[in-house]
Amino acid sequence: MFRLWAKEFKDNRMLRDTTICDDSDDTRTHKIFRALDEVCYEFDLSKPIWLDSTINEFKRHAKARFYQDNFVDSIDFDYLEIHVIEE
């Protein structure tokens, strides 16, 4: 089972979090993008842009942080962190 944990942080405090589970036979990349879409829908956010630094961080640690630079709209938190916790 694939599980992705998403958390919003402001001033080093977690504002809210959610876990997205996916049992489909899809590829890991598709599961990540689908889970991120669900997170953005649940948190009422625009979809973040994957910058090169974000992609590199995700490849290394299976964790990525999306800051204001990753969003077209302004955000009212410091960053959104996603972390693959189970594959």
N, C-alpha and C. Protein backbone atom coordinates (compact mmCIF):
# COMPACT_ATOMS: atom_id res chain seq x y z
N MET A 1 0.84 -1.18 0.00
CA MET A 1 0.00 0.00 0.00
C MET A 1 0.88 1.25 0.00
N PHE A 2 0.53 2.19 -0.82
CA PHE A 2 1.25 3.47 -0.92
C PHE A 2 0.56 4.47 0.01
N ARG A 3 1.36 5.15 0.85
CA ARG A 3 0.81 6.19 1.74
C ARG A 3 1.68 7.42 1.68
N LEU A 4 1.04 8.57 1.54
CA LEU A 4 1.74 9.85 1.50
C LEU A 4 1.18 10.73 2.61
N TRP A 5 2.09 11.31 3.39
CA TRP A 5 1.71 12.17 4.51
C TRP A 5 2.01 13.60 4.11
N ALA A 6 1.01 14.47 4.18
CA ALA A 6 1.17 15.88 3.83
C ALA A 6 0.91 16.73 5.07
N LYS A 7 1.76 17.76 5.25
CA LYS A 7 1.66 18.61 6.44
C LYS A 7 1.88 20.07 6.04
N GLU A 8 1.10 20.96 6.64
CA GLU A 8 1.28 22.40 6.47
C GLU A 8 1.95 22.94 7.72
N PHE A 9 2.99 23.77 7.53
CA PHE A 9 3.71 24.35 8.66
C PHE A 9 3.72 25.86 8.59
N LYS A 10 3.64 26.49 9.75
CA LYS A 10 3.82 27.94 9.89
C LYS A 10 4.50 28.18 11.23
N ASP A 11 5.59 28.94 11.21
CA ASP A 11 6.36 29.24 12.42
C ASP A 11 6.76 27.96 13.16
N ASN A 12 7.23 26.97 12.42
CA ASN A 12 7.68 25.68 12.97
C ASN A 12 6.60 24.92 13.72
N ARG A 13 5.35 25.18 13.41
CA ARG A 13 4.24 24.44 13.99
C ARG A 13 3.39 23.85 12.87
N MET A 14 2.97 22.61 13.09
CA MET A 14 2.12 21.98 12.09
C MET A 14 0.70 22.50 12.25
N LEU A 15 0.16 23.05 11.17
CA LEU A 15 -1.20 23.57 11.19
C LEU A 15 -2.23 22.47 10.97
N ARG A 16 -1.97 21.63 9.97
CA ARG A 16 -2.86 20.52 9.67
C ARG A 16 -2.10 19.48 8.87
N ASP A 17 -2.62 18.27 8.87
CA ASP A 17 -1.99 17.19 8.12
C ASP A 17 -3.05 16.23 7.63
N THR A 18 -2.64 15.41 6.70
CA THR A 18 -3.52 14.37 6.16
C THR A 18 -2.65 13.25 5.59
N THR A 19 -3.22 12.08 5.53
CA THR A 19 -2.54 10.93 4.93
C THR A 19 -3.40 10.42 3.79
N ILE A 20 -2.77 10.23 2.64
CA ILE A 20 -3.46 9.74 1.45
C ILE A 20 -2.98 8.31 1.19
N CYS A 21 -3.91 7.38 1.07
CA CYS A 21 -3.59 5.98 0.81
C CYS A 21 -4.01 5.62 -0.62
N ASP A 22 -3.21 4.77 -1.26
CA ASP A 22 -3.49 4.38 -2.64
C ASP A 22 -3.13 2.91 -2.82
N ASP A 23 -4.12 2.08 -3.15
CA ASP A 23 -3.89 0.64 -3.36
C ASP A 23 -3.87 0.26 -4.83
N SER A 24 -3.89 1.22 -5.72
CA SER A 24 -3.96 0.92 -7.16
C SER A 24 -2.66 0.30 -7.65
N ASP A 25 -2.71 -0.26 -8.84
CA ASP A 25 -1.53 -0.86 -9.47
C ASP A 25 -0.81 0.12 -10.37
N ASP A 26 -1.04 1.40 -10.17
CA ASP A 26 -0.43 2.46 -10.98
C ASP A 26 1.05 2.61 -10.62
N THR A 27 1.77 3.41 -11.40
CA THR A 27 3.19 3.64 -11.13
C THR A 27 3.35 4.56 -9.92
N ARG A 28 4.52 4.54 -9.33
CA ARG A 28 4.80 5.37 -8.15
C ARG A 28 4.61 6.85 -8.47
N THR A 29 5.08 7.28 -9.62
CA THR A 29 4.96 8.68 -10.02
C THR A 29 3.50 9.10 -10.11
N HIS A 30 2.67 8.28 -10.73
CA HIS A 30 1.24 8.59 -10.84
C HIS A 30 0.59 8.64 -9.47
N LYS A 31 0.99 7.73 -8.58
CA LYS A 31 0.43 7.73 -7.23
C LYS A 31 0.80 9.01 -6.48
N ILE A 32 2.03 9.47 -6.65
CA ILE A 32 2.49 10.69 -5.98
C ILE A 32 1.70 11.89 -6.49
N PHE A 33 1.58 12.02 -7.80
CA PHE A 33 0.85 13.16 -8.37
C PHE A 33 -0.64 13.12 -7.98
N ARG A 34 -1.23 11.94 -7.99
CA ARG A 34 -2.64 11.81 -7.62
C ARG A 34 -2.83 12.16 -6.14
N ALA A 35 -1.91 11.69 -5.29
CA ALA A 35 -2.01 12.00 -3.86
C ALA A 35 -1.83 13.49 -3.62
N LEU A 36 -0.91 14.13 -4.33
CA LEU A 36 -0.70 15.57 -4.18
C LEU A 36 -1.94 16.34 -4.63
N ASP A 37 -2.59 15.87 -5.69
CA ASP A 37 -3.85 16.49 -6.13
C ASP A 37 -4.91 16.40 -5.04
N GLU A 38 -5.00 15.23 -4.39
CA GLU A 38 -5.98 15.05 -3.32
C GLU A 38 -5.68 15.96 -2.13
N VAL A 39 -4.39 16.10 -1.81
CA VAL A 39 -3.98 16.98 -0.71
C VAL A 39 -4.37 18.42 -1.03
N CYS A 40 -4.07 18.87 -2.23
CA CYS A 40 -4.40 20.24 -2.62
C CYS A 40 -5.90 20.48 -2.60
N TYR A 41 -6.68 19.48 -2.99
CA TYR A 41 -8.13 19.61 -2.94
C TYR A 41 -8.61 19.71 -1.49
N GLU A 42 -8.08 18.83 -0.64
CA GLU A 42 -8.50 18.81 0.76
C GLU A 42 -8.09 20.09 1.50
N PHE A 43 -6.90 20.61 1.20
CA PHE A 43 -6.40 21.82 1.86
C PHE A 43 -6.82 23.09 1.13
N ASP A 44 -7.54 22.96 0.02
CA ASP A 44 -7.99 24.09 -0.80
C ASP A 44 -6.81 24.94 -1.27
N LEU A 45 -5.85 24.28 -1.92
CA LEU A 45 -4.64 24.94 -2.44
C LEU A 45 -4.57 24.79 -3.95
N SER A 46 -3.83 25.70 -4.57
CA SER A 46 -3.50 25.50 -5.98
C SER A 46 -2.39 24.45 -6.03
N LYS A 47 -2.25 23.80 -7.17
CA LYS A 47 -1.23 22.77 -7.30
C LYS A 47 0.16 23.42 -7.33
N PRO A 48 1.09 22.89 -6.54
CA PRO A 48 2.43 23.47 -6.54
C PRO A 48 3.23 23.06 -7.77
N ILE A 49 4.22 23.87 -8.08
CA ILE A 49 5.11 23.62 -9.20
C ILE A 49 6.33 22.86 -8.67
N TRP A 50 6.72 21.81 -9.37
CA TRP A 50 7.89 21.03 -8.98
C TRP A 50 9.14 21.71 -9.54
N LEU A 51 9.85 22.45 -8.73
CA LEU A 51 11.11 23.07 -9.14
C LEU A 51 12.21 22.01 -9.10
N ASP A 52 13.34 22.29 -9.76
CA ASP A 52 14.44 21.33 -9.79
C ASP A 52 14.92 20.98 -8.38
N SER A 53 14.99 21.96 -7.51
CA SER A 53 15.44 21.70 -6.13
C SER A 53 14.44 20.79 -5.40
N THR A 54 13.16 20.97 -5.67
CA THR A 54 12.13 20.13 -5.05
C THR A 54 12.25 18.69 -5.54
N ILE A 55 12.46 18.53 -6.84
CA ILE A 55 12.60 17.19 -7.42
C ILE A 55 13.82 16.48 -6.85
N ASN A 56 14.94 17.18 -6.77
CA ASN A 56 16.16 16.58 -6.22
C ASN A 56 15.99 16.16 -4.77
N GLU A 57 15.36 17.02 -3.98
CA GLU A 57 15.11 16.69 -2.58
C GLU A 57 14.21 15.46 -2.47
N PHE A 58 13.18 15.38 -3.31
CA PHE A 58 12.26 14.25 -3.27
C PHE A 58 12.95 12.96 -3.69
N LYS A 59 13.81 13.02 -4.68
CA LYS A 59 14.53 11.83 -5.13
C LYS A 59 15.44 11.30 -4.03
N ARG A 60 16.07 12.20 -3.29
CA ARG A 60 17.01 11.80 -2.24
C ARG A 60 16.34 11.26 -0.99
N HIS A 61 15.23 11.89 -0.57
CA HIS A 61 14.68 11.58 0.75
C HIS A 61 13.24 11.09 0.74
N ALA A 62 12.60 11.00 -0.42
CA ALA A 62 11.17 10.68 -0.53
C ALA A 62 10.35 11.67 0.28
N LYS A 63 10.87 12.90 0.36
CA LYS A 63 10.22 13.99 1.10
C LYS A 63 10.50 15.28 0.35
N ALA A 64 9.52 16.15 0.29
CA ALA A 64 9.72 17.43 -0.40
C ALA A 64 8.94 18.52 0.33
N ARG A 65 9.48 19.74 0.26
CA ARG A 65 8.82 20.90 0.83
C ARG A 65 8.50 21.88 -0.29
N PHE A 66 7.26 22.34 -0.30
CA PHE A 66 6.81 23.32 -1.28
C PHE A 66 6.65 24.66 -0.58
N TYR A 67 7.48 25.62 -0.93
CA TYR A 67 7.46 26.96 -0.35
C TYR A 67 6.64 27.89 -1.24
N GLN A 68 6.59 29.17 -0.89
CA GLN A 68 5.84 30.16 -1.66
C GLN A 68 6.28 30.17 -3.13
N ASP A 69 7.58 29.95 -3.39
CA ASP A 69 8.09 29.94 -4.76
C ASP A 69 7.45 28.85 -5.62
N ASN A 70 6.96 27.79 -4.99
CA ASN A 70 6.36 26.68 -5.71
C ASN A 70 4.89 26.92 -6.07
N PHE A 71 4.28 27.93 -5.48
CA PHE A 71 2.86 28.20 -5.70
C PHE A 71 2.68 29.48 -6.50
N VAL A 72 1.70 29.48 -7.39
CA VAL A 72 1.36 30.68 -8.15
C VAL A 72 0.59 31.65 -7.26
N ASP A 73 -0.37 31.12 -6.49
CA ASP A 73 -1.14 31.93 -5.55
C ASP A 73 -0.35 32.13 -4.26
N SER A 74 -0.72 33.14 -3.50
CA SER A 74 -0.06 33.33 -2.22
C SER A 74 -0.61 32.31 -1.22
N ILE A 75 0.24 31.90 -0.28
CA ILE A 75 -0.15 30.91 0.72
C ILE A 75 -0.06 31.55 2.10
N ASP A 76 -0.86 31.07 3.03
CA ASP A 76 -0.88 31.64 4.37
C ASP A 76 -0.13 30.77 5.39
N PHE A 77 0.82 29.98 4.90
CA PHE A 77 1.67 29.15 5.75
C PHE A 77 3.08 29.21 5.19
N ASP A 78 4.05 28.65 5.90
CA ASP A 78 5.44 28.73 5.46
C ASP A 78 5.77 27.72 4.37
N TYR A 79 5.33 26.47 4.57
CA TYR A 79 5.59 25.45 3.54
C TYR A 79 4.65 24.27 3.71
N LEU A 80 4.49 23.53 2.61
CA LEU A 80 3.74 22.27 2.58
C LEU A 80 4.77 21.17 2.40
N GLU A 81 4.75 20.20 3.29
CA GLU A 81 5.71 19.09 3.21
C GLU A 81 4.97 17.81 2.88
N ILE A 82 5.50 17.07 1.90
CA ILE A 82 4.94 15.75 1.60
C ILE A 82 6.03 14.72 1.86
N HIS A 83 5.61 13.55 2.33
CA HIS A 83 6.55 12.51 2.69
C HIS A 83 5.92 11.16 2.39
N VAL A 84 6.60 10.34 1.58
CA VAL A 84 6.12 8.98 1.31
C VAL A 84 6.48 8.14 2.52
N ILE A 85 5.47 7.63 3.22
CA ILE A 85 5.75 6.88 4.44
C ILE A 85 5.62 5.37 4.26
N GLU A 86 5.05 4.93 3.15
CA GLU A 86 4.94 3.51 2.90
C GLU A 86 4.74 3.26 1.42
N GLU A 87 5.43 2.23 0.93
CA GLU A 87 5.26 1.86 -0.48
C GLU A 87 4.97 0.39 -0.59
